Every structure is written in C-alpha cells, then in structure tokens.
Protein backbone atom coordinates (compact mmCIF):
# COMPACT_ATOMS: atom_id res chain seq x y z
CA UNK A 1 -43.75 231.11 250.38
CA UNK A 2 -46.05 233.99 250.47
CA UNK A 3 -45.96 236.78 247.48
CA UNK A 4 -43.83 239.20 249.59
CA UNK A 5 -41.39 236.90 250.58
CA UNK A 6 -41.09 235.71 246.84
CA UNK A 7 -40.62 239.17 245.47
CA UNK A 8 -38.05 239.78 247.88
CA UNK A 9 -36.19 236.63 246.92
CA UNK A 10 -36.56 237.49 243.21
CA UNK A 11 -35.28 241.17 243.67
CA UNK A 12 -32.28 239.92 245.75
CA UNK A 13 -31.19 237.20 243.37
CA UNK A 14 -31.52 239.19 240.37
CA UNK A 15 -29.24 241.79 242.14
CA UNK A 16 -26.66 238.96 242.44
CA UNK A 17 -26.89 237.67 238.89
CA UNK A 18 -24.00 239.77 237.57
CA UNK A 19 -21.61 238.48 240.48
CA UNK A 20 -22.74 235.01 239.18
CA UNK A 21 -21.99 235.46 235.53
CA UNK A 22 -18.67 237.08 236.35
CA UNK A 23 -17.82 233.97 238.65
CA UNK A 24 -19.01 231.61 236.06
CA UNK A 25 -16.94 233.12 233.49
CA UNK A 26 -13.60 232.97 235.41
CA UNK A 27 -14.20 229.50 236.48
CA UNK A 28 -15.09 227.89 233.43
CA UNK A 29 -12.28 229.74 231.67
CA UNK A 30 -10.15 228.00 234.14
CA UNK A 31 -11.12 224.56 233.36
CA UNK A 32 -8.44 222.29 232.32
CA UNK A 33 -8.86 218.56 230.88
CA UNK A 34 -6.53 217.26 234.02
CA UNK A 35 -9.07 218.51 236.38
CA UNK A 36 -11.96 217.32 235.42
CA UNK A 37 -11.84 213.72 236.82
CA UNK A 38 -10.69 215.34 240.21
CA UNK A 39 -13.80 217.64 240.25
CA UNK A 40 -16.06 214.81 239.22
CA UNK A 41 -14.65 212.44 241.85
CA UNK A 42 -15.12 215.21 244.99
CA UNK A 43 -18.61 216.04 243.67
CA UNK A 44 -19.72 212.69 243.37
CA UNK A 45 -17.30 211.32 246.18
CA UNK A 46 -19.18 213.03 249.03
CA UNK A 47 -22.22 210.67 249.28
CA UNK A 48 -19.70 207.27 249.69
CA UNK A 49 -17.50 209.10 252.09
CA UNK A 50 -20.71 209.75 254.28
CA UNK A 51 -21.65 206.22 254.02
CA UNK A 52 -18.46 204.96 254.81
CA UNK A 53 -18.33 207.44 257.79
CA UNK A 54 -21.93 205.80 259.27
CA UNK A 55 -20.53 202.63 258.66
CA UNK A 56 -17.44 203.46 260.44
CA UNK A 57 -19.42 205.25 263.13
CA UNK A 58 -21.98 202.45 263.86
CA UNK A 59 -18.90 199.94 264.38
CA UNK A 60 -16.91 201.64 266.74
CA UNK A 61 -18.87 201.87 269.77
CA UNK A 62 -21.31 204.29 271.54
CA UNK A 63 -19.33 207.46 270.76
CA UNK A 64 -19.57 206.52 267.08
CA UNK A 65 -23.25 205.34 267.28
CA UNK A 66 -23.91 208.98 268.98
CA UNK A 67 -21.94 210.81 266.15
CA UNK A 68 -23.97 209.19 263.77
CA UNK A 69 -27.36 210.11 265.41
CA UNK A 70 -26.00 213.69 265.82
CA UNK A 71 -25.26 213.38 261.92
CA UNK A 72 -28.83 212.43 261.03
CA UNK A 73 -30.59 214.83 263.52
CA UNK A 74 -28.55 217.80 261.86
CA UNK A 75 -28.66 216.64 258.21
CA UNK A 76 -32.59 216.06 258.41
CA UNK A 77 -33.66 219.70 258.96
CA UNK A 78 -30.82 220.84 256.89
CA UNK A 79 -32.10 218.58 253.62
CA UNK A 80 -35.83 219.73 254.43
CA UNK A 81 -34.94 223.23 254.08
CA UNK A 82 -32.82 222.60 250.97
CA UNK A 83 -35.33 220.93 249.38
CA UNK A 84 -38.27 222.96 250.28
CA UNK A 85 -35.82 226.22 249.09
CA UNK A 86 -35.20 224.69 245.50
CA UNK A 87 -38.63 223.93 245.34
CA UNK A 88 -39.88 227.33 246.17
CA UNK A 89 -36.91 229.11 244.00
CA UNK A 90 -37.09 227.08 240.98
CA UNK A 91 -33.73 228.65 239.83
CA UNK A 92 -32.37 227.38 236.36
CA UNK A 93 -28.86 225.99 236.77
CA UNK A 94 -26.10 227.53 234.85
CA UNK A 95 -26.06 224.54 232.53
CA UNK A 96 -29.50 225.05 231.53
CA UNK A 97 -30.88 222.26 233.76
CA UNK A 98 -34.57 223.29 234.57
CA UNK A 99 -36.23 220.84 237.06
CA UNK A 100 -38.29 222.53 239.75
CA UNK A 101 -37.31 219.47 242.42
CA UNK A 102 -34.10 219.88 241.61
CA UNK A 103 -33.39 223.76 241.04
CA UNK A 104 -29.84 225.46 241.38
CA UNK A 105 -30.76 227.35 244.86
CA UNK A 106 -29.41 226.67 247.20
CA UNK A 107 -26.70 223.79 246.82
CA UNK A 108 -27.37 220.60 248.55
CA UNK A 109 -23.88 219.56 248.15
CA UNK A 110 -22.65 222.73 249.64
CA UNK A 111 -25.31 222.47 252.52
CA UNK A 112 -24.25 219.05 253.36
CA UNK A 113 -20.51 219.22 253.32
CA UNK A 114 -20.37 222.56 255.43
CA UNK A 115 -23.01 220.89 257.90
CA UNK A 116 -21.01 217.96 258.16
CA UNK A 117 -17.87 219.65 258.37
CA UNK A 118 -19.34 221.41 261.61
CA UNK A 119 -20.64 218.33 262.89
CA UNK A 120 -17.04 216.88 262.51
CA UNK A 121 -15.65 220.06 264.18
CA UNK A 122 -17.82 220.16 266.97
CA UNK A 123 -16.97 216.49 267.85
CA UNK A 124 -13.33 216.40 266.90
CA UNK A 125 -11.53 220.17 266.93
CA UNK A 126 -8.75 218.66 264.82
CA UNK A 127 -10.52 217.81 262.13
CA UNK A 128 -11.67 221.25 261.46
CA UNK A 129 -9.02 222.33 258.76
CA UNK A 130 -9.45 218.89 256.66
CA UNK A 131 -13.11 219.21 257.09
CA UNK A 132 -13.73 223.03 256.10
CA UNK A 133 -11.25 222.27 253.20
CA UNK A 134 -12.90 219.19 251.86
CA UNK A 135 -16.28 220.98 252.05
CA UNK A 136 -15.10 224.18 249.91
CA UNK A 137 -13.61 221.91 247.50
CA UNK A 138 -17.13 219.99 247.05
CA UNK A 139 -18.88 223.59 246.86
CA UNK A 140 -16.34 224.93 244.39
CA UNK A 141 -16.86 221.72 242.35
CA UNK A 142 -20.32 222.22 241.70
CA UNK A 143 -19.13 225.70 240.14
CA UNK A 144 -16.60 224.45 238.41
CA UNK A 145 -18.66 221.57 236.88
CA UNK A 146 -21.10 224.17 235.87
CA UNK A 147 -24.01 222.63 237.94
CA UNK A 148 -24.37 225.55 240.34
CA UNK A 149 -24.04 229.73 240.64
CA UNK A 150 -21.58 230.92 243.13
CA UNK A 151 -24.57 232.06 245.07
CA UNK A 152 -25.91 229.06 245.36
CA UNK A 153 -23.03 227.46 246.91
CA UNK A 154 -22.66 230.40 249.12
CA UNK A 155 -26.03 230.31 250.47
CA UNK A 156 -26.06 226.48 250.76
CA UNK A 157 -22.67 226.41 252.70
CA UNK A 158 -24.19 229.03 254.88
CA UNK A 159 -27.39 227.35 255.25
CA UNK A 160 -25.75 223.78 256.09
CA UNK A 161 -23.14 225.24 258.40
CA UNK A 162 -25.50 227.45 260.55
CA UNK A 163 -28.65 225.16 260.88
CA UNK A 164 -26.35 222.20 261.73
CA UNK A 165 -24.72 224.41 264.42
CA UNK A 166 -28.04 225.47 265.83
CA UNK A 167 -29.72 222.15 265.57
CA UNK A 168 -26.66 220.24 267.22
CA UNK A 169 -26.42 222.97 270.20
CA UNK A 170 -30.28 222.61 270.58
CA UNK A 171 -29.86 218.87 270.30
CA UNK A 172 -26.95 218.75 272.85
CA UNK A 173 -29.02 220.99 275.15
CA UNK A 174 -31.92 218.84 275.18
CA UNK A 175 -29.68 215.83 275.77
CA UNK A 176 -28.06 217.45 278.72
CA UNK A 177 -31.35 218.70 280.33
CA UNK A 178 -32.40 215.19 280.33
CA UNK A 179 -29.85 213.68 281.84
CA UNK A 180 -29.59 216.20 284.56
CA UNK A 181 -33.50 215.67 285.00
CA UNK A 182 -32.62 211.77 285.61
CA UNK A 183 -29.69 212.95 287.81
CA UNK A 184 -32.05 214.95 290.12
CA UNK A 185 -34.61 212.03 290.20
C-alpha cells in the first residue's frame, strides 16, 4: 500500500470513528446475559457449519462437488484480500486487542458469512433469506461481542459479497467458454 492510499484510508477511517463509537455504545448497553451464549455460538459456529457443508457437498454427487469447488474458488480471494487488508490497516479492535496479523478491519467473519450467503443464493435462490439472515447475525455478533467496530463488519460484508459475486461470475463464464470450446471442437 503506498503512502497516499494509507493516508486516504486513515482519513476515511478517522471520519467513521464517531459512528463506530456510537454504535458500540448502543450495542454494548444492550448486552444481556441470556444473549451471551447464543452470540458466542453464532460467532464460533460458522466454521463447523462450513465444514459440515463441505462434507455434505462432497458426499452428494457431482452437483455438490461443483458447489464445494465454487466455494473454494470464491473464498480464497475473499480471505486473501481480508488478510492483506487487515495487515495493511492494523486497526485496533474495540476490546483493545492489537495484533497486526489479526487486526479489526475488515471483519473476516462478516466477509466469509456474506460470501457464503452469495454462493448459496446464486446456486439455490430459496436459500437467500436464511443465508443472508444468518450472515447478518454473524456480523452483528462480532459487534455485540466487542470484537469489531460497525465499519469493520460493514466493510467485511460488502467485500465478501461483492468479491464472491464477481469471482463466481468470472468462474462460471470461464467454465461456459471452456464447455462451448469443447462443443465446437
């Protein structure tokens, strides 16, 4: 990241800090003991669900394996982009954690949840509402548990959704072109 880009990011991030502070204050004031376990389950339960989905996809024939391959094709660039951005921005988490390789911006939980929601929706339209509701719940849980600022999850969600959509669109176009090339041969 060059100096101008870093300066632009700092200027934009600084402008959002009052918004982040206000959202954090409201969300943290709304924490309830009975919500702690469900929020931890949502924030920590996404990985086992993803693994279960991969296993189910691999065992369910060619269509399932194609869905798993699409997920890998989409999630690799999403996660590479998130990790590079985290390292470049080095934003402190609202709970005070400050590790450069795991900084706050953007939220990888939100990016992955929204990327998977896009993948599911593109393959199975009926999955749209539950997929995006779950993705939003994952993103909210990160703010609720004081692990991310609101802007972190908004940026992560947007990055994951857009990058998954663009990647899968390009992937499918490439597959279609290859198939049409085979048909012509």
